[in-house]
Amino acid sequence: MDSTVVDTREGSCPIGDAKIKVDCRGKTCPVPLVEVRKALKRTSPGEIIEVVGTHTPSKKEIPMAVEALGSTLLSVEGSDTDWKIRIRR
């Protein structure tokens, strides 16, 4: 997997604006992953999706699924219980 190293000390990922934003805060498995898969289907190649959530296992599962689905993980930010994941389709 190719990865991009991003300096997030300023608080956000500087890699483009998200075309679709998915808010999964308060949702547990499998909802966050299902919502990410739906968002990937709605976007075109090269577009960016931003996912925010609070479910700790989803913070680990979504990046693994992104690679398996053939998309690119741009960044994972935040704590285990308040995170943001950016994906390029």
Protein backbone atom coordinates (compact mmCIF):
# COMPACT_ATOMS: atom_id res chain seq x y z
CA MET A 1 0.00 0.00 0.00
CA ASP A 2 1.34 3.42 -0.94
CA SER A 3 0.93 5.88 1.88
CA THR A 4 1.28 9.61 2.24
CA VAL A 5 2.97 11.00 5.32
CA VAL A 6 1.07 14.02 6.58
CA ASP A 7 2.01 16.49 9.30
CA THR A 8 -1.23 16.87 11.26
CA ARG A 9 0.14 19.02 14.08
CA GLU A 10 -2.00 21.85 12.75
CA GLY A 11 -5.08 19.71 13.40
CA SER A 12 -6.20 18.61 9.96
CA CYS A 13 -5.12 16.78 6.87
CA PRO A 14 -4.05 19.22 4.13
CA ILE A 15 -4.71 16.73 1.31
CA GLY A 16 -7.63 18.18 -0.64
CA ASP A 17 -11.25 18.79 0.27
CA ALA A 18 -13.57 15.87 0.91
CA LYS A 19 -16.26 15.33 -1.71
CA ILE A 20 -18.35 13.28 0.73
CA LYS A 21 -18.38 13.52 4.52
CA VAL A 22 -19.64 10.53 6.51
CA ASP A 23 -20.59 11.14 10.14
CA CYS A 24 -20.62 7.86 12.08
CA ARG A 25 -20.29 9.34 15.56
CA GLY A 26 -22.23 7.25 18.05
CA LYS A 27 -22.60 4.33 15.61
CA THR A 28 -21.12 0.87 16.23
CA CYS A 29 -20.15 -1.99 13.92
CA PRO A 30 -21.06 -2.67 11.25
CA VAL A 31 -22.62 0.76 10.52
CA PRO A 32 -19.40 2.81 10.03
CA LEU A 33 -17.93 0.29 7.58
CA VAL A 34 -21.23 -0.05 5.71
CA GLU A 35 -21.47 3.75 5.39
CA VAL A 36 -17.88 3.94 4.09
CA ARG A 37 -18.64 1.30 1.46
CA LYS A 38 -21.75 3.25 0.36
CA ALA A 39 -19.71 6.46 0.14
CA LEU A 40 -17.05 4.74 -1.97
CA LYS A 41 -19.73 3.61 -4.42
CA ARG A 42 -21.05 7.20 -4.73
CA THR A 43 -17.68 8.76 -5.51
CA SER A 44 -15.57 8.79 -8.64
CA PRO A 45 -11.93 7.71 -8.76
CA GLY A 46 -9.69 10.39 -7.22
CA GLU A 47 -12.40 11.91 -5.03
CA ILE A 48 -11.89 12.17 -1.28
CA ILE A 49 -14.14 10.89 1.49
CA GLU A 50 -13.88 12.07 5.09
CA VAL A 51 -15.25 9.80 7.82
CA VAL A 52 -15.66 10.87 11.45
CA GLY A 53 -16.55 8.50 14.24
CA THR A 54 -16.27 7.47 17.85
CA HIS A 55 -16.27 3.65 17.68
CA THR A 56 -12.77 2.38 18.50
CA PRO A 57 -12.85 -0.88 16.48
CA SER A 58 -14.06 0.98 13.38
CA LYS A 59 -10.97 3.22 13.50
CA LYS A 60 -8.94 0.05 12.91
CA GLU A 61 -11.34 -1.79 10.58
CA ILE A 62 -11.99 1.00 8.09
CA PRO A 63 -8.32 1.47 7.07
CA MET A 64 -7.98 -2.29 6.50
CA ALA A 65 -11.15 -2.34 4.39
CA VAL A 66 -10.03 0.68 2.36
CA GLU A 67 -6.98 -1.19 1.11
CA ALA A 68 -8.99 -4.33 0.40
CA LEU A 69 -11.49 -2.26 -1.62
CA GLY A 70 -8.71 -0.78 -3.76
CA SER A 71 -8.84 2.77 -2.41
CA THR A 72 -6.09 4.84 -0.77
CA LEU A 73 -5.93 5.68 2.91
CA LEU A 74 -4.80 9.31 3.18
CA SER A 75 -4.86 9.86 6.94
CA VAL A 76 -6.14 8.66 10.28
CA GLU A 77 -6.34 11.39 12.91
CA GLY A 78 -7.58 11.78 16.46
CA SER A 79 -8.01 9.52 19.46
CA ASP A 80 -9.53 6.04 19.52
CA THR A 81 -12.88 7.50 20.59
CA ASP A 82 -12.96 10.64 18.40
CA TRP A 83 -11.33 10.14 15.01
CA LYS A 84 -11.27 11.26 11.38
CA ILE A 85 -10.25 9.09 8.43
CA ARG A 86 -9.63 10.45 4.93
CA ILE A 87 -9.82 8.15 1.93
CA ARG A 88 -9.14 8.69 -1.78
CA ARG A 89 -11.16 6.47 -4.06
